[in-house]
Amino acid sequence: MYRIPSVRVRIALPAAIVLASIAGVSAHIVKGVDNPTLATAFVSSPSATADAPVKIAWGAVDTKLRVVCFNVANTSPVRADDPDSPRITAAGFELPGSPRGFTLLEPLGDEWEIVEGARATIPGGNAVTLDFALVTHANNTDWQTKSPRPHEGIPPGQPAVRGSGTRFCVSGPFPDTLPNPTIPGESTATTVELILNGVVVRFSRVLAHGQASDLGLWDNPLRSVPLYPE
């Protein structure tokens, strides 16, 4: 079982370096915490870093619901003993507060579903609450440990380019602003890429001769655990 230390993970950087880091972000490289070279992903907004959630409204009536689309690509190297592994079998997201009421719009079918309020225990870090998680072969909120069927999830060997992998579209109460990652105490307009800062990816069948799993985070010093402490 993964450990849950009592300390919060954060790396402080000089302001100039942090700002340069944010300015250069065009998508999110994700690496497994236990297996950073064997379990990797590329999570991106649909077309550009400035993509914003789409408001659902009728005339002047704002439903407070927004639609967010993004792509998840499994860039993990193909296992020599199993060309179908490792697989991405879940992608969850932290948001400020505890919003609920998320719905999966795409893809539809029997493979993917949404779980809300799942707890993820990061290897070597804290437990975090995922406001929503896209999971395959889920078991209630047991998003982290349920063994997948052999060919479910996103296969390995996909390119790290925008639009690669599986596209997901989700509707829900996404906030119009998020904490500014470079200026503590200030907010900024929500973009899809800012939402992706809080991604947690579940990798299954990472190692040979077993069902070893791993959790991956955005590979950036700005990624604290949790991202939005209560």
Protein backbone atom coordinates (compact mmCIF):
# COMPACT_ATOMS: atom_id res chain seq x y z
CA MET A 1 0.00 0.00 0.00
CA TYR A 2 1.23 3.48 -0.80
CA ARG A 3 2.48 5.61 2.10
CA ILE A 4 0.74 8.82 3.19
CA PRO A 5 3.29 11.13 4.80
CA SER A 6 1.99 14.10 6.77
CA VAL A 7 4.02 16.68 4.86
CA ARG A 8 2.89 18.48 1.74
CA VAL A 9 5.13 18.37 -1.33
CA ARG A 10 6.11 21.70 -2.84
CA ILE A 11 9.24 23.02 -4.51
CA ALA A 12 9.80 26.78 -4.43
CA LEU A 13 11.42 28.47 -7.42
CA PRO A 14 12.44 32.03 -8.13
CA ALA A 15 9.58 34.03 -9.63
CA ALA A 16 11.32 34.54 -12.97
CA ILE A 17 11.87 30.80 -13.45
CA VAL A 18 8.29 29.98 -12.49
CA LEU A 19 6.85 32.55 -14.88
CA ALA A 20 9.03 31.25 -17.69
CA SER A 21 7.87 27.73 -16.92
CA ILE A 22 4.19 28.66 -17.16
CA ALA A 23 4.72 30.71 -20.32
CA GLY A 24 6.36 27.75 -22.04
CA VAL A 25 3.69 25.18 -21.18
CA SER A 26 1.91 23.91 -24.28
CA ALA A 27 0.60 20.70 -22.70
CA HIS A 28 1.28 18.49 -19.73
CA ILE A 29 3.96 15.82 -19.58
CA VAL A 30 3.00 13.27 -16.93
CA LYS A 31 5.40 10.81 -15.34
CA GLY A 32 4.76 7.91 -13.00
CA VAL A 33 5.95 8.62 -9.48
CA ASP A 34 7.47 5.15 -9.00
CA ASN A 35 8.34 4.47 -12.66
CA PRO A 36 9.03 7.83 -14.36
CA THR A 37 10.62 6.30 -17.46
CA LEU A 38 8.22 3.37 -17.89
CA ALA A 39 4.90 5.16 -17.22
CA THR A 40 4.44 8.44 -19.10
CA ALA A 41 1.55 10.39 -20.58
CA PHE A 42 0.83 13.57 -22.53
CA VAL A 43 -2.33 15.46 -21.55
CA SER A 44 -3.35 18.46 -23.64
CA SER A 45 -6.12 20.95 -24.36
CA PRO A 46 -7.84 20.67 -27.77
CA SER A 47 -6.11 23.37 -29.80
CA ALA A 48 -4.06 25.86 -27.78
CA THR A 49 -2.90 26.85 -24.31
CA ALA A 50 -5.63 29.50 -24.14
CA ASP A 51 -8.55 27.10 -24.71
CA ALA A 52 -11.31 27.98 -22.24
CA PRO A 53 -14.22 25.92 -20.89
CA VAL A 54 -17.37 26.37 -22.99
CA LYS A 55 -20.28 27.95 -21.14
CA ILE A 56 -23.69 26.24 -21.28
CA ALA A 57 -26.35 28.97 -21.35
CA TRP A 58 -29.73 29.88 -22.81
CA GLY A 59 -29.61 33.52 -23.77
CA ALA A 60 -28.76 35.42 -20.59
CA VAL A 61 -29.43 32.41 -18.36
CA ASP A 62 -26.14 30.88 -17.21
CA THR A 63 -26.49 27.27 -16.03
CA LYS A 64 -23.11 27.52 -14.24
CA LEU A 65 -22.13 24.40 -16.18
CA ARG A 66 -19.13 24.32 -18.49
CA VAL A 67 -17.82 21.81 -21.04
CA VAL A 68 -14.12 20.93 -21.05
CA CYS A 69 -12.41 18.71 -23.64
CA PHE A 70 -8.86 17.39 -23.52
CA ASN A 71 -6.72 14.55 -24.88
CA VAL A 72 -4.87 11.88 -22.94
CA ALA A 73 -2.07 10.07 -24.78
CA ASN A 74 -0.16 7.11 -23.39
CA THR A 75 3.44 7.86 -24.30
CA SER A 76 4.83 4.98 -22.21
CA PRO A 77 7.33 2.77 -24.03
CA VAL A 78 5.82 -0.53 -25.12
CA ARG A 79 6.80 -3.39 -22.85
CA ALA A 80 9.07 -5.87 -24.63
CA ASP A 81 7.14 -8.82 -23.21
CA ASP A 82 3.67 -7.36 -23.81
CA PRO A 83 3.01 -4.95 -26.70
CA ASP A 84 -0.35 -3.95 -25.16
CA SER A 85 1.18 -2.69 -21.90
CA PRO A 86 1.34 -0.54 -19.87
CA ARG A 87 -2.18 0.92 -20.15
CA ILE A 88 -3.68 4.18 -18.91
CA THR A 89 -6.82 3.13 -17.08
CA ALA A 90 -7.83 6.36 -15.35
CA ALA A 91 -7.25 10.11 -15.36
CA GLY A 92 -8.51 12.16 -12.42
CA PHE A 93 -8.46 15.86 -11.62
CA GLU A 94 -8.16 18.05 -8.56
CA LEU A 95 -10.17 21.29 -8.47
CA PRO A 96 -10.61 23.88 -5.71
CA GLY A 97 -13.41 23.09 -3.27
CA SER A 98 -15.56 19.99 -3.71
CA PRO A 99 -17.61 20.46 -6.90
CA ARG A 100 -19.96 17.65 -7.90
CA GLY A 101 -22.22 16.95 -10.88
CA PHE A 102 -19.77 16.03 -13.65
CA THR A 103 -20.95 14.08 -16.71
CA LEU A 104 -18.94 12.28 -19.39
CA LEU A 105 -19.97 13.48 -22.86
CA GLU A 106 -17.27 11.75 -24.91
CA PRO A 107 -16.36 8.96 -25.42
CA LEU A 108 -19.64 7.15 -24.79
CA GLY A 109 -19.94 3.40 -24.40
CA ASP A 110 -19.19 0.75 -21.84
CA GLU A 111 -15.48 1.34 -21.32
CA TRP A 112 -15.18 4.77 -19.66
CA GLU A 113 -17.21 6.29 -16.84
CA ILE A 114 -16.92 9.09 -14.30
CA VAL A 115 -16.23 8.63 -10.59
CA GLU A 116 -16.56 11.65 -8.29
CA GLY A 117 -14.79 12.30 -5.01
CA ALA A 118 -12.30 9.43 -5.31
CA ARG A 119 -9.23 9.43 -3.08
CA ALA A 120 -5.82 8.90 -4.66
CA THR A 121 -2.77 8.14 -2.54
CA ILE A 122 0.33 9.40 -4.33
CA PRO A 123 3.47 7.29 -3.82
CA GLY A 124 5.67 9.20 -1.39
CA GLY A 125 3.12 12.00 -1.04
CA ASN A 126 -0.26 12.85 0.37
CA ALA A 127 -3.69 11.50 -0.37
CA VAL A 128 -5.68 13.82 -2.63
CA THR A 129 -9.36 14.01 -3.53
CA LEU A 130 -10.11 13.80 -7.24
CA ASP A 131 -13.22 15.85 -7.93
CA PHE A 132 -13.82 13.69 -10.97
CA ALA A 133 -11.95 10.82 -12.54
CA LEU A 134 -12.41 9.12 -15.90
CA VAL A 135 -11.98 5.44 -15.24
CA THR A 136 -12.22 2.17 -17.09
CA HIS A 137 -13.55 -0.93 -15.35
CA ALA A 138 -14.36 1.02 -12.20
CA ASN A 139 -15.55 -0.37 -8.91
CA ASN A 140 -17.51 2.38 -7.15
CA THR A 141 -14.84 4.82 -5.90
CA ASP A 142 -12.06 2.23 -5.91
CA TRP A 143 -10.54 3.93 -8.92
CA GLN A 144 -6.94 3.18 -7.98
CA THR A 145 -6.70 -0.55 -7.34
CA LYS A 146 -9.30 -2.28 -9.51
CA SER A 147 -7.51 -4.55 -12.00
CA PRO A 148 -8.45 -3.71 -15.59
CA ARG A 149 -9.47 -6.17 -18.22
CA PRO A 150 -6.49 -6.94 -20.49
CA HIS A 151 -7.32 -4.59 -23.37
CA GLU A 152 -9.15 -1.75 -21.65
CA GLY A 153 -7.69 1.69 -21.33
CA ILE A 154 -5.31 3.66 -23.54
CA PRO A 155 -2.50 1.64 -25.19
CA PRO A 156 1.19 2.61 -25.02
CA GLY A 157 3.52 4.03 -27.64
CA GLN A 158 1.46 7.10 -28.61
CA PRO A 159 3.19 10.35 -29.67
CA ALA A 160 3.52 13.31 -27.32
CA VAL A 161 1.67 15.77 -29.55
CA ARG A 162 -1.54 17.75 -29.09
CA GLY A 163 -4.56 15.75 -30.21
CA SER A 164 -2.88 12.38 -29.69
CA GLY A 165 -4.55 9.63 -27.69
CA THR A 166 -8.15 9.60 -26.48
CA ARG A 167 -10.30 12.72 -26.43
CA PHE A 168 -12.52 13.24 -23.40
CA CYS A 169 -15.28 15.84 -23.06
CA VAL A 170 -16.80 16.47 -19.64
CA SER A 171 -19.57 18.80 -18.49
CA GLY A 172 -19.80 20.07 -14.94
CA PRO A 173 -19.42 23.00 -12.54
CA PHE A 174 -15.94 24.01 -13.64
CA PRO A 175 -14.95 27.32 -12.00
CA ASP A 176 -14.56 30.46 -14.10
CA THR A 177 -11.37 31.34 -12.22
CA LEU A 178 -8.58 29.33 -10.65
CA PRO A 179 -5.75 30.26 -8.28
CA ASN A 180 -2.91 31.88 -10.18
CA PRO A 181 -0.04 29.37 -9.97
CA THR A 182 2.58 32.13 -10.17
CA ILE A 183 1.05 34.79 -7.89
CA PRO A 184 -0.10 33.44 -4.50
CA GLY A 185 -3.44 34.80 -3.36
CA GLU A 186 -4.57 35.91 -6.82
CA SER A 187 -6.91 34.28 -9.33
CA THR A 188 -6.83 34.05 -13.11
CA ALA A 189 -9.32 33.09 -15.81
CA THR A 190 -9.76 29.34 -16.14
CA THR A 191 -8.24 27.62 -19.14
CA VAL A 192 -8.22 23.93 -19.96
CA GLU A 193 -4.46 23.81 -19.42
CA LEU A 194 -4.85 25.24 -15.89
CA ILE A 195 -7.40 22.53 -15.14
CA LEU A 196 -4.90 19.95 -16.37
CA ASN A 197 -2.39 21.11 -13.73
CA GLY A 198 -4.31 18.91 -11.28
CA VAL A 199 -4.25 15.72 -13.34
CA VAL A 200 -3.47 12.33 -11.77
CA VAL A 201 -3.04 9.45 -14.25
CA ARG A 202 -3.36 5.79 -13.32
CA PHE A 203 -1.08 3.35 -15.17
CA SER A 204 -1.76 -0.39 -15.03
CA ARG A 205 0.45 -3.37 -15.92
CA VAL A 206 3.59 -1.24 -15.83
CA LEU A 207 6.00 -4.06 -14.99
CA ALA A 208 6.48 -7.51 -16.44
CA HIS A 209 5.04 -10.60 -14.77
CA GLY A 210 2.40 -8.80 -12.76
CA GLN A 211 -0.26 -6.14 -12.50
CA ALA A 212 1.99 -3.42 -11.04
CA SER A 213 0.32 -0.02 -11.17
CA ASP A 214 1.59 3.53 -10.80
CA LEU A 215 0.17 7.02 -10.48
CA GLY A 216 1.54 9.86 -12.58
CA LEU A 217 1.59 13.62 -12.02
CA TRP A 218 2.38 16.66 -14.16
CA ASP A 219 6.17 16.74 -14.37
CA ASN A 220 6.65 20.33 -13.22
CA PRO A 221 7.89 21.91 -9.95
CA LEU A 222 4.61 23.87 -9.80
CA ARG A 223 2.74 20.60 -9.18
CA SER A 224 2.25 20.45 -5.41
CA VAL A 225 0.52 17.56 -3.70
CA PRO A 226 -2.28 18.34 -3.09
CA LEU A 227 -2.58 21.12 -5.63
CA TYR A 228 -5.43 22.82 -3.77
CA PRO A 229 -5.01 22.18 -0.03
CA GLU A 230 -8.15 22.52 2.07
